[in-house]
Amino acid sequence: MDRQQILDLYDWADGVCFRHPGKGTVPTTVVGALHPPAVGEREVRACTECVIGMEDIRREQAARAGIEYCPGQIGRASWDADRARRDQRP
């Protein structure tokens, strides 16, 4: 897959990248969530540059581990797990 095909796998909205806040508001996607006490959930968002960098790392790790690389999954496993934990709270 090329860069644009990978980026097309994500949902994008204007936001502030967690690694590049100095860029201001840019297209970002949710890559995780934080749950600070007394504040509630805070989305962690990444810009296109960061998403491609994270996908490159995931591809390299998959190759080293001998497993299939499946792009478009950044943040989904942790996001789903966080949501499931919250749903189970009394």
C-alpha atoms as a PDB file:
ATOM      1  CA  MET A   1       0.000   0.000   0.000  1.00  0.00           C
ATOM      2  CA  ASP A   2       1.154   3.500  -0.669  1.00  0.00           C
ATOM      3  CA  ARG A   3       1.036   6.382   1.814  1.00  0.00           C
ATOM      4  CA  GLN A   4      -2.358   7.723   0.710  1.00  0.00           C
ATOM      5  CA  GLN A   5      -3.994   4.283   0.767  1.00  0.00           C
ATOM      6  CA  ILE A   6      -2.839   3.824   4.364  1.00  0.00           C
ATOM      7  CA  LEU A   7      -4.079   7.270   5.392  1.00  0.00           C
ATOM      8  CA  ASP A   8      -7.438   6.543   3.749  1.00  0.00           C
ATOM      9  CA  LEU A   9      -7.952   3.700   6.256  1.00  0.00           C
ATOM     10  CA  TYR A  10      -8.370   6.228   9.072  1.00  0.00           C
ATOM     11  CA  ASP A  11     -11.080   8.746   9.977  1.00  0.00           C
ATOM     12  CA  TRP A  12      -9.696  12.278   9.965  1.00  0.00           C
ATOM     13  CA  ALA A  13     -10.843  15.459  11.691  1.00  0.00           C
ATOM     14  CA  ASP A  14      -9.175  18.725  12.576  1.00  0.00           C
ATOM     15  CA  GLY A  15      -7.294  18.500  15.857  1.00  0.00           C
ATOM     16  CA  VAL A  16      -3.919  18.904  17.545  1.00  0.00           C
ATOM     17  CA  CYS A  17      -1.265  16.210  17.111  1.00  0.00           C
ATOM     18  CA  PHE A  18       0.126  14.877  20.389  1.00  0.00           C
ATOM     19  CA  ARG A  19       3.698  14.927  19.007  1.00  0.00           C
ATOM     20  CA  HIS A  20       3.484  18.172  17.036  1.00  0.00           C
ATOM     21  CA  PRO A  21       1.245  20.599  18.949  1.00  0.00           C
ATOM     22  CA  GLY A  22       3.170  23.503  17.438  1.00  0.00           C
ATOM     23  CA  LYS A  23       1.587  22.737  14.071  1.00  0.00           C
ATOM     24  CA  GLY A  24      -1.719  23.948  15.495  1.00  0.00           C
ATOM     25  CA  THR A  25      -4.946  22.516  14.122  1.00  0.00           C
ATOM     26  CA  VAL A  26      -4.292  19.979  11.353  1.00  0.00           C
ATOM     27  CA  PRO A  27      -5.994  16.816  10.079  1.00  0.00           C
ATOM     28  CA  THR A  28      -5.631  14.181  12.819  1.00  0.00           C
ATOM     29  CA  THR A  29      -6.971  10.768  13.760  1.00  0.00           C
ATOM     30  CA  VAL A  30      -7.547   9.209  17.178  1.00  0.00           C
ATOM     31  CA  VAL A  31      -4.689   6.888  18.185  1.00  0.00           C
ATOM     32  CA  GLY A  32      -5.582   6.399  21.843  1.00  0.00           C
ATOM     33  CA  ALA A  33      -7.210   7.859  24.910  1.00  0.00           C
ATOM     34  CA  LEU A  34      -6.124   9.103  28.309  1.00  0.00           C
ATOM     35  CA  HIS A  35      -8.302   8.973  31.405  1.00  0.00           C
ATOM     36  CA  PRO A  36      -7.016  11.566  33.876  1.00  0.00           C
ATOM     37  CA  PRO A  37      -8.868  11.553  37.196  1.00  0.00           C
ATOM     38  CA  ALA A  38     -11.574  14.199  37.523  1.00  0.00           C
ATOM     39  CA  VAL A  39     -11.205  15.200  33.870  1.00  0.00           C
ATOM     40  CA  GLY A  40     -12.710  12.289  31.978  1.00  0.00           C
ATOM     41  CA  GLU A  41     -11.576  10.843  28.693  1.00  0.00           C
ATOM     42  CA  ARG A  42      -9.153  12.748  26.484  1.00  0.00           C
ATOM     43  CA  GLU A  43      -8.474  11.625  22.933  1.00  0.00           C
ATOM     44  CA  VAL A  44      -4.874  11.297  21.785  1.00  0.00           C
ATOM     45  CA  ARG A  45      -4.686  12.443  18.166  1.00  0.00           C
ATOM     46  CA  ALA A  46      -1.929  12.070  15.568  1.00  0.00           C
ATOM     47  CA  CYS A  47      -1.209  13.912  12.314  1.00  0.00           C
ATOM     48  CA  THR A  48      -0.584  12.223   8.965  1.00  0.00           C
ATOM     49  CA  GLU A  49       3.203  12.314   9.453  1.00  0.00           C
ATOM     50  CA  CYS A  50       2.935  10.531  12.802  1.00  0.00           C
ATOM     51  CA  VAL A  51       0.467   7.935  11.538  1.00  0.00           C
ATOM     52  CA  ILE A  52       2.764   7.015   8.649  1.00  0.00           C
ATOM     53  CA  GLY A  53       5.704   6.804  11.079  1.00  0.00           C
ATOM     54  CA  MET A  54       3.729   4.536  13.418  1.00  0.00           C
ATOM     55  CA  GLU A  55       2.615   2.355  10.498  1.00  0.00           C
ATOM     56  CA  ASP A  56       6.264   2.024   9.380  1.00  0.00           C
ATOM     57  CA  ILE A  57       7.183   0.806  12.879  1.00  0.00           C
ATOM     58  CA  ARG A  58       4.269  -1.650  12.919  1.00  0.00           C
ATOM     59  CA  ARG A  59       5.270  -3.009   9.487  1.00  0.00           C
ATOM     60  CA  GLU A  60       8.885  -3.524  10.623  1.00  0.00           C
ATOM     61  CA  GLN A  61       7.790  -5.213  13.862  1.00  0.00           C
ATOM     62  CA  ALA A  62       5.446  -7.551  11.986  1.00  0.00           C
ATOM     63  CA  ALA A  63       8.207  -8.510   9.563  1.00  0.00           C
ATOM     64  CA  ARG A  64      10.638  -9.251  12.426  1.00  0.00           C
ATOM     65  CA  ALA A  65       7.988 -11.316  14.228  1.00  0.00           C
ATOM     66  CA  GLY A  66       7.008 -13.158  11.064  1.00  0.00           C
ATOM     67  CA  ILE A  67       3.378 -12.116  11.290  1.00  0.00           C
ATOM     68  CA  GLU A  68       1.079 -10.445   8.790  1.00  0.00           C
ATOM     69  CA  TYR A  69       1.079  -6.672   8.751  1.00  0.00           C
ATOM     70  CA  CYS A  70      -2.423  -5.191   8.635  1.00  0.00           C
ATOM     71  CA  PRO A  71      -2.415  -1.393   8.198  1.00  0.00           C
ATOM     72  CA  GLY A  72      -5.103   0.862   9.578  1.00  0.00           C
ATOM     73  CA  GLN A  73      -5.191  -0.520  13.111  1.00  0.00           C
ATOM     74  CA  ILE A  74      -3.290   2.119  15.102  1.00  0.00           C
ATOM     75  CA  GLY A  75      -5.193   2.927  18.256  1.00  0.00           C
ATOM     76  CA  ARG A  76      -8.048   0.563  17.535  1.00  0.00           C
ATOM     77  CA  ALA A  77      -7.040  -2.254  19.889  1.00  0.00           C
ATOM     78  CA  SER A  78      -6.275   0.040  22.808  1.00  0.00           C
ATOM     79  CA  TRP A  79      -9.283   2.243  22.036  1.00  0.00           C
ATOM     80  CA  ASP A  80     -11.629  -0.770  21.966  1.00  0.00           C
ATOM     81  CA  ALA A  81     -10.100  -2.211  25.147  1.00  0.00           C
ATOM     82  CA  ASP A  82     -10.430   1.134  26.972  1.00  0.00           C
ATOM     83  CA  ARG A  83     -14.035   1.452  25.874  1.00  0.00           C
ATOM     84  CA  ALA A  84     -14.820  -2.125  26.995  1.00  0.00           C
ATOM     85  CA  ARG A  85     -13.262  -1.459  30.431  1.00  0.00           C
ATOM     86  CA  ARG A  86     -15.335   1.704  30.847  1.00  0.00           C
ATOM     87  CA  ASP A  87     -18.510  -0.103  29.820  1.00  0.00           C
ATOM     88  CA  GLN A  88     -17.905  -2.718  32.534  1.00  0.00           C
ATOM     89  CA  ARG A  89     -17.496  -0.181  35.337  1.00  0.00           C
ATOM     90  CA  PRO A  90     -20.422   0.062  37.797  1.00  0.00           C
END
